[in-house]
Amino acid sequence: MASLAKVRAKGDATTDLDAFRHAAANAVFALTVQRELCAFRSQADMVRRYAIPSDVTARVGVSR
């Protein structure tokens, strides 16, 4: 998430944001699986706590 936020803050049009979004979505997917294994069923708290952007959550579970 931090890398994605840095790229967005720069506003650099040449940077491939899609690669950063995909990496962030993979991290969110892994965190979601870990939370579900620990019996935390609601992901809304996780999304708020870690300020996960909607364009990242839209890519969770999508493979390239």
Protein backbone atom coordinates (compact mmCIF):
# COMPACT_ATOMS: atom_id res chain seq x y z
CA MET A 1 0.00 0.00 0.00
CA ALA A 2 2.85 2.34 0.82
CA SER A 3 4.43 1.91 -2.61
CA LEU A 4 1.11 2.57 -4.31
CA ALA A 5 0.56 5.69 -2.20
CA LYS A 6 4.04 7.01 -3.09
CA VAL A 7 3.46 6.52 -6.81
CA ARG A 8 0.10 8.26 -6.60
CA ALA A 9 1.60 11.16 -4.65
CA LYS A 10 4.25 11.69 -7.33
CA GLY A 11 1.63 11.86 -10.05
CA ASP A 12 4.11 10.36 -12.49
CA ALA A 13 2.21 9.37 -15.62
CA THR A 14 5.01 7.10 -16.83
CA THR A 15 4.78 4.74 -13.86
CA ASP A 16 2.74 1.61 -14.39
CA LEU A 17 0.11 1.95 -11.66
CA ASP A 18 -1.51 -1.32 -12.68
CA ALA A 19 1.50 -3.32 -11.46
CA PHE A 20 1.36 -1.58 -8.07
CA ARG A 21 -2.40 -2.14 -7.82
CA HIS A 22 -1.99 -5.82 -8.66
CA ALA A 23 0.75 -6.27 -6.03
CA ALA A 24 -1.38 -4.50 -3.43
CA ALA A 25 -4.40 -6.66 -4.32
CA ASN A 26 -2.31 -9.80 -3.85
CA ALA A 27 -1.23 -8.56 -0.41
CA VAL A 28 -4.84 -7.79 0.53
CA PHE A 29 -5.90 -11.26 -0.62
CA ALA A 30 -3.20 -12.88 1.54
CA LEU A 31 -4.23 -10.79 4.55
CA THR A 32 -7.88 -11.70 3.99
CA VAL A 33 -7.07 -15.41 3.97
CA GLN A 34 -5.04 -15.06 7.18
CA ARG A 35 -7.87 -13.18 8.89
CA GLU A 36 -10.43 -15.78 7.83
CA LEU A 37 -8.22 -18.56 9.19
CA CYS A 38 -8.22 -16.69 12.51
CA ALA A 39 -12.05 -16.55 12.41
CA PHE A 40 -12.26 -12.82 11.60
CA ARG A 41 -15.12 -12.99 9.12
CA SER A 42 -15.78 -9.27 8.55
CA GLN A 43 -13.33 -7.63 6.19
CA ALA A 44 -14.87 -4.15 6.56
CA ASP A 45 -12.74 -3.46 9.63
CA MET A 46 -9.61 -4.49 7.74
CA VAL A 47 -10.45 -2.21 4.81
CA ARG A 48 -10.99 0.75 7.16
CA ARG A 49 -8.00 0.03 9.40
CA TYR A 50 -5.52 -0.26 6.54
CA ALA A 51 -7.24 2.34 4.30
CA ILE A 52 -7.39 -0.04 1.35
CA PRO A 53 -8.42 1.90 -1.77
CA SER A 54 -11.45 0.74 -3.72
CA ASP A 55 -9.43 0.26 -6.92
CA VAL A 56 -7.30 -2.27 -5.03
CA THR A 57 -10.22 -4.13 -3.46
CA ALA A 58 -11.79 -4.40 -6.92
CA ARG A 59 -8.75 -6.43 -8.03
CA VAL A 60 -8.61 -8.84 -5.07
CA GLY A 61 -8.80 -12.39 -6.34
CA VAL A 62 -8.23 -11.42 -9.96
CA SER A 63 -5.34 -13.25 -11.62
CA ARG A 64 -3.30 -11.97 -14.53
